[in-house]
Protein backbone atom coordinates (compact mmCIF):
# COMPACT_ATOMS: atom_id res chain seq x y z
CA MET A 1 22.75 -2.54 8.28
CA SER A 2 20.95 -1.81 5.04
CA SER A 3 21.92 1.54 3.50
CA LYS A 4 19.29 1.48 0.75
CA ARG A 5 15.62 1.82 1.59
CA THR A 6 13.13 1.59 -1.23
CA LEU A 7 9.59 2.96 -1.33
CA LEU A 8 7.31 0.94 -3.63
CA ILE A 9 4.20 2.89 -4.59
CA LEU A 10 1.31 0.76 -5.88
CA ALA A 11 -0.34 3.00 -8.47
CA ALA A 12 -1.75 0.73 -11.18
CA GLY A 13 -5.39 0.96 -10.12
CA MET A 14 -8.00 2.14 -12.58
CA GLY A 15 -9.96 4.25 -10.08
CA ASN A 16 -13.34 3.03 -11.34
CA ARG A 17 -15.24 3.91 -8.16
CA TYR A 18 -13.43 7.25 -7.97
CA GLY A 19 -14.11 8.06 -11.60
CA GLY A 20 -10.58 8.86 -12.73
CA LEU A 21 -6.85 8.52 -12.12
CA LYS A 22 -6.86 9.41 -8.42
CA GLN A 23 -3.14 8.62 -8.12
CA ILE A 24 -2.29 11.96 -9.73
CA ASP A 25 -5.35 13.99 -8.74
CA ARG A 26 -4.77 17.25 -6.88
CA PHE A 27 -5.37 17.51 -3.13
CA GLY A 28 -2.76 19.86 -1.66
CA PRO A 29 -2.83 23.68 -1.69
CA ASN A 30 -0.55 23.76 -4.74
CA GLY A 31 -2.06 20.80 -6.53
CA GLU A 32 -0.08 18.10 -4.72
CA ALA A 33 -1.22 14.48 -5.05
CA LEU A 34 -1.37 12.17 -2.04
CA ILE A 35 1.73 10.47 -3.47
CA ASP A 36 3.62 13.76 -3.04
CA TYR A 37 3.08 13.70 0.72
CA THR A 38 4.02 10.04 0.97
CA MET A 39 7.27 10.63 -0.93
CA TYR A 40 8.03 13.77 1.08
CA ASP A 41 7.59 11.85 4.35
CA ALA A 42 9.58 8.89 3.04
CA ILE A 43 12.54 11.08 2.09
CA ARG A 44 12.49 12.61 5.58
CA ALA A 45 12.42 9.06 6.97
CA GLY A 46 15.58 8.04 5.08
CA PHE A 47 14.25 6.35 1.95
CA ASN A 48 16.51 6.84 -1.07
CA LYS A 49 14.87 4.88 -3.89
CA ILE A 50 11.34 5.11 -5.28
CA VAL A 51 9.63 2.53 -7.48
CA PHE A 52 6.33 3.36 -9.17
CA LEU A 53 4.21 0.29 -9.95
CA ILE A 54 1.90 1.48 -12.74
CA ARG A 55 0.21 0.46 -15.96
CA GLU A 56 2.43 1.19 -18.94
CA ASP A 57 -0.03 3.70 -20.34
CA PHE A 58 0.29 5.73 -17.11
CA GLU A 59 4.05 6.23 -17.47
CA LYS A 60 4.06 9.51 -19.39
CA ALA A 61 1.61 11.10 -16.94
CA PHE A 62 3.65 9.93 -13.94
CA ARG A 63 6.97 11.11 -15.32
CA GLU A 64 5.58 14.54 -16.12
CA ARG A 65 3.76 14.82 -12.80
CA PHE A 66 6.44 13.71 -10.33
CA GLU A 67 9.95 13.63 -11.79
CA PRO A 68 10.37 17.44 -11.97
CA LYS A 69 9.55 17.65 -8.25
CA LEU A 70 12.13 14.99 -7.42
CA ASP A 71 14.84 16.55 -9.59
CA GLY A 72 17.84 17.39 -7.45
CA GLN A 73 17.08 14.70 -4.89
CA ASP A 74 19.69 11.99 -4.39
CA LEU A 75 17.09 9.38 -5.35
CA GLU A 76 16.97 6.41 -7.65
CA ILE A 77 13.65 6.32 -9.51
CA ARG A 78 12.42 3.17 -11.22
CA TYR A 79 9.21 2.00 -12.88
CA ALA A 80 7.56 -1.41 -12.94
CA TYR A 81 4.38 -2.42 -14.73
CA GLN A 82 1.36 -4.46 -13.79
CA HIS A 83 -0.36 -6.23 -16.65
CA ILE A 84 -3.68 -8.01 -16.84
CA TYR A 85 -1.98 -10.92 -18.62
CA GLN A 86 1.42 -12.37 -17.78
CA GLU A 87 3.40 -14.77 -19.93
CA GLY A 88 3.92 -18.16 -18.37
CA TYR A 89 0.77 -18.12 -16.24
CA PRO A 90 -2.27 -20.28 -17.10
CA MET A 91 -4.92 -17.66 -17.94
CA SER A 92 -7.80 -18.59 -20.18
CA VAL A 93 -10.25 -15.70 -19.72
CA LYS A 94 -10.33 -12.04 -20.63
CA ARG A 95 -10.15 -9.70 -17.65
CA ASN A 96 -10.51 -5.95 -17.44
CA LYS A 97 -8.39 -5.47 -14.33
CA PRO A 98 -5.08 -6.77 -12.93
CA TRP A 99 -4.75 -9.60 -10.40
CA GLY A 100 -4.49 -7.63 -7.15
CA THR A 101 -1.94 -6.26 -4.71
CA GLY A 102 0.02 -9.49 -4.28
CA GLU A 103 0.71 -9.75 -8.00
CA ALA A 104 1.42 -6.00 -8.08
CA VAL A 105 4.32 -6.45 -5.65
CA LEU A 106 5.50 -9.52 -7.56
CA ALA A 107 5.64 -7.44 -10.76
CA CYS A 108 8.46 -5.37 -9.19
CA ARG A 109 10.87 -8.25 -8.65
CA GLU A 110 13.21 -7.13 -11.45
CA VAL A 111 13.76 -3.63 -10.03
CA ILE A 112 14.02 -4.26 -6.27
CA ASP A 113 16.76 -6.23 -4.53
CA GLU A 114 16.90 -4.45 -1.17
CA PRO A 115 14.57 -3.98 1.85
CA PHE A 116 11.51 -2.05 0.77
CA ALA A 117 8.27 -0.52 1.96
CA VAL A 118 4.93 -0.87 0.16
CA VAL A 119 2.32 1.90 0.08
CA ASN A 120 -0.89 2.59 -1.82
CA ALA A 121 -0.86 5.62 -4.08
CA ASP A 122 -4.30 6.75 -2.94
CA ASP A 123 -3.69 6.67 0.82
CA PHE A 124 -2.19 9.20 3.24
CA TYR A 125 -0.16 7.50 5.97
CA GLY A 126 1.53 10.23 8.03
CA TYR A 127 5.18 10.96 8.78
CA SER A 128 5.63 8.99 12.00
CA ALA A 129 4.29 5.83 10.35
CA MET A 130 6.81 6.21 7.52
CA GLN A 131 9.60 6.94 10.01
CA THR A 132 8.78 3.80 12.00
CA LEU A 133 8.97 1.65 8.90
CA GLY A 134 12.07 3.42 7.61
CA ASP A 135 13.86 2.80 10.92
CA PHE A 136 12.91 -0.87 10.82
CA LEU A 137 14.17 -1.37 7.27
CA GLY A 138 17.36 0.55 8.01
CA SER A 139 18.11 -1.72 10.97
CA LEU A 140 18.11 -4.90 8.87
CA PRO A 141 21.41 -6.49 7.83
CA ASP A 142 22.10 -6.59 4.10
CA ASP A 143 21.50 -10.34 3.96
CA ALA A 144 18.26 -10.32 5.99
CA GLU A 145 15.57 -12.75 4.87
CA GLY A 146 12.01 -13.20 6.06
CA ASP A 147 12.08 -10.13 8.34
CA PHE A 148 8.84 -8.36 7.54
CA ALA A 149 6.93 -5.59 9.29
CA MET A 150 3.73 -3.62 8.95
CA VAL A 151 2.23 -0.48 10.41
CA ALA A 152 -1.32 -1.12 11.61
CA TYR A 153 -4.16 1.37 11.90
CA TYR A 154 -7.39 1.22 13.88
CA LEU A 155 -10.39 0.17 11.80
CA LYS A 156 -12.55 3.05 13.04
CA ALA A 157 -10.10 5.52 11.49
CA THR A 158 -10.00 3.89 8.06
CA LEU A 159 -13.63 3.83 6.90
CA SER A 160 -15.21 5.92 4.18
CA LYS A 161 -18.38 7.91 4.79
CA TYR A 162 -19.45 7.28 1.24
CA GLY A 163 -19.30 3.55 0.65
CA LYS A 164 -17.83 0.15 1.42
CA VAL A 165 -14.10 -0.55 1.71
CA ALA A 166 -11.79 -3.57 1.82
CA ARG A 167 -9.34 -4.02 4.70
CA GLY A 168 -6.88 -6.63 5.92
CA ILE A 169 -8.01 -7.57 9.45
CA ILE A 170 -5.02 -8.58 11.57
CA GLN A 171 -4.26 -10.47 14.77
CA THR A 172 -1.02 -10.30 16.77
CA ASP A 173 0.58 -12.57 19.32
CA ASP A 174 1.80 -11.50 22.76
CA ASP A 175 5.15 -10.38 21.30
CA GLY A 176 3.58 -7.99 18.79
CA GLN A 177 4.25 -10.29 15.85
CA LEU A 178 1.67 -10.71 13.13
CA PHE A 179 -0.23 -13.92 13.78
CA ASP A 180 -2.93 -13.82 11.14
CA ILE A 181 -4.33 -11.50 8.48
CA HIS A 182 -7.29 -11.89 6.16
CA GLU A 183 -8.86 -9.60 3.61
CA TYR A 184 -12.42 -8.45 4.19
CA LYS A 185 -14.52 -6.51 1.72
CA ASN A 186 -17.72 -4.50 1.94
CA ILE A 187 -16.72 -3.05 5.33
CA GLN A 188 -18.93 -0.26 6.59
CA TYR A 189 -21.00 0.89 9.55
CA ASP A 190 -24.34 -0.90 9.39
CA GLY A 191 -26.37 2.00 10.79
CA LYS A 192 -26.65 0.42 14.25
CA GLY A 193 -23.19 1.26 15.52
CA TYR A 194 -21.58 -1.95 14.28
CA ILE A 195 -18.84 -2.36 11.71
CA VAL A 196 -19.63 -5.21 9.38
CA GLY A 197 -17.54 -6.82 6.66
CA GLU A 198 -17.49 -9.86 4.42
CA SER A 199 -14.63 -12.31 4.11
CA ALA A 200 -13.04 -11.96 0.69
CA MET A 201 -12.25 -15.67 0.58
CA ALA A 202 -15.25 -17.34 2.28
CA GLY A 203 -17.97 -14.74 1.74
CA LYS A 204 -18.91 -14.95 5.43
CA GLN A 205 -20.23 -11.76 7.08
CA GLU A 206 -18.66 -10.73 10.39
CA TYR A 207 -18.78 -7.84 12.88
CA PHE A 208 -15.72 -5.94 14.12
CA ASP A 209 -14.85 -3.72 17.04
CA ALA A 210 -13.88 -0.13 16.22
CA ASP A 211 -10.34 -0.69 17.58
CA THR A 212 -9.70 -3.75 15.43
CA LEU A 213 -6.25 -3.49 13.86
CA VAL A 214 -6.13 -3.37 10.08
CA SER A 215 -3.53 -3.30 7.36
CA MET A 216 -3.56 -0.29 5.04
CA ASN A 217 -0.85 -1.88 2.87
CA LEU A 218 1.96 -0.12 4.73
CA TRP A 219 4.40 -3.03 4.72
CA GLY A 220 8.11 -3.56 5.07
CA PHE A 221 9.68 -6.53 3.27
CA THR A 222 13.00 -8.15 2.51
CA PRO A 223 13.47 -9.05 -1.18
CA ASP A 224 13.13 -12.80 -0.62
CA ILE A 225 9.36 -12.18 -0.57
CA PHE A 226 9.39 -12.30 -4.38
CA GLY A 227 10.21 -16.02 -4.41
CA TYR A 228 7.35 -16.74 -2.03
CA LEU A 229 4.93 -14.60 -4.04
CA GLU A 230 5.92 -16.31 -7.30
CA HIS A 231 5.08 -19.71 -5.83
CA LEU A 232 1.83 -18.60 -4.19
CA PHE A 233 0.60 -16.77 -7.27
CA SER A 234 1.20 -19.81 -9.45
CA GLU A 235 -0.86 -21.85 -6.98
CA PHE A 236 -3.55 -19.18 -6.92
CA LEU A 237 -3.88 -19.27 -10.71
CA LYS A 238 -4.34 -23.02 -10.76
CA GLU A 239 -7.60 -22.46 -8.85
CA ASN A 240 -8.58 -19.02 -10.17
CA GLY A 241 -7.10 -18.78 -13.67
CA ASP A 242 -10.58 -18.87 -15.20
CA SER A 243 -11.95 -16.09 -12.98
CA THR A 244 -12.66 -12.60 -14.27
CA SER A 245 -12.76 -11.11 -10.75
CA ALA A 246 -10.58 -13.12 -8.33
CA GLU A 247 -7.65 -11.17 -6.86
CA PHE A 248 -4.36 -12.29 -5.35
CA TYR A 249 -4.35 -10.17 -2.19
CA LEU A 250 -1.04 -9.26 -0.55
CA PRO A 251 -2.38 -9.76 3.02
CA GLU A 252 -3.59 -13.25 2.16
CA ALA A 253 -0.22 -14.10 0.63
CA VAL A 254 1.63 -12.94 3.74
CA SER A 255 -0.81 -14.95 5.87
CA ARG A 256 0.15 -18.09 3.93
CA MET A 257 3.83 -17.37 4.50
CA LEU A 258 3.19 -17.00 8.23
CA GLU A 259 1.24 -20.27 8.32
CA ASN A 260 4.18 -22.02 6.66
CA ARG A 261 6.59 -20.39 9.15
CA GLN A 262 8.62 -18.97 6.29
CA VAL A 263 8.69 -15.41 7.64
CA THR A 264 7.97 -13.24 10.66
CA ALA A 265 6.23 -9.87 10.60
CA LYS A 266 6.52 -7.26 13.36
CA VAL A 267 3.39 -5.13 13.86
CA PHE A 268 3.79 -1.45 14.74
CA ARG A 269 0.62 0.37 15.82
CA THR A 270 0.10 3.98 14.91
CA ASP A 271 -2.29 6.76 15.91
CA GLU A 272 -1.38 8.69 12.76
CA THR A 273 -4.08 10.37 10.75
CA TRP A 274 -5.01 8.11 7.85
CA PHE A 275 -7.28 8.95 4.98
CA GLY A 276 -7.74 7.74 1.45
CA VAL A 277 -9.77 8.31 -1.67
CA THR A 278 -11.90 5.40 -2.75
CA TYR A 279 -14.91 7.45 -3.88
CA ARG A 280 -15.11 10.85 -5.56
CA LYS A 281 -16.79 12.29 -2.46
CA ASP A 282 -13.71 11.35 -0.42
CA LYS A 283 -11.76 14.06 -2.24
CA ASN A 284 -13.18 16.97 -0.24
CA ILE A 285 -12.28 15.26 3.04
CA ALA A 286 -8.72 14.67 1.84
CA ILE A 287 -8.37 18.31 0.78
CA GLN A 288 -9.64 19.48 4.17
CA GLU A 289 -7.32 17.13 6.09
CA ILE A 290 -4.27 18.32 4.19
CA ARG A 291 -5.28 21.95 4.60
CA SER A 292 -5.55 21.50 8.36
CA MET A 293 -2.10 19.89 8.54
CA VAL A 294 -0.57 22.68 6.47
CA ASP A 295 -2.22 25.27 8.74
CA ALA A 296 -0.82 23.40 11.78
CA GLY A 297 2.71 23.60 10.34
CA LYS A 298 3.10 19.87 9.71
CA TYR A 299 3.71 20.45 6.00
CA PRO A 300 4.79 23.55 4.08
CA GLU A 301 2.35 25.43 1.86
CA GLN A 302 4.57 24.62 -1.14
CA LEU A 303 5.58 21.08 -0.39
CA TRP A 304 8.62 20.74 -2.65
CA LYS A 305 9.99 24.31 -2.46
CA ASN A 306 12.32 23.43 0.45
CA ALA A 307 12.11 19.68 0.20
CA PRO A 308 14.17 17.36 2.40
CA ARG A 309 17.11 15.61 0.74
CA ALA A 310 17.36 11.85 0.50
């Protein structure tokens, strides 16, 4: 069984719609970021290594913000960097943003060689979701390959009141294995009680039930995923290397791996409270949600004062 469990935090986003670096913004009663709660839950769930995927110019802010809180923990802390341009890839246009979540995970291949979980820096996932994924990763043999998992949320619980969002819409087979996943953008209530979204790949508009299962980028992977991602990203760039906006989405990459029967992915459903901060107006909701959980005794008032040990 694997003794090392790594938490990969995707935190390289620019926060354009939010209007600032939301990854380190303050939401908890003592100025905690959403990342603080994710790391706190992950440590309780048995994770013992943390990797921050950031832009290089974020590093100083991240080290000053989080490393003092993690001091004294039996944790390995590493950093990886997502760039807009990568040597060896055929890119002929200037872009002002990186290439998406699939390339973000690929950028960590030099610092991860064990089973790992992937989370977004600007999402709150909940302890039981992290525990489920931690237990799955901890059950894998050291030489496991192609054994993936994800924790799925209900679409109705993942929308923003203030604008459109992108979600990975998933389908499972009768055994609870991931059968298909595709990224949809511009998802929102349409004012008539429907949830509508647009396929990120085909541009086709579709309607979804409120209990549709979605990916919130809470994944569990074995390290052989990096080889698959390298191949798929190279293929992606052959078609999209001239684009200033195309993104290499992690859900779409996993979908290709499933189609090719290279991997399997177990889907765990959760009723956990999820919330995130896409827009500036989302901040007040996040602050209120955390306050209610602190008042209910789910988290301490001072999160790291008596922190769990990895």
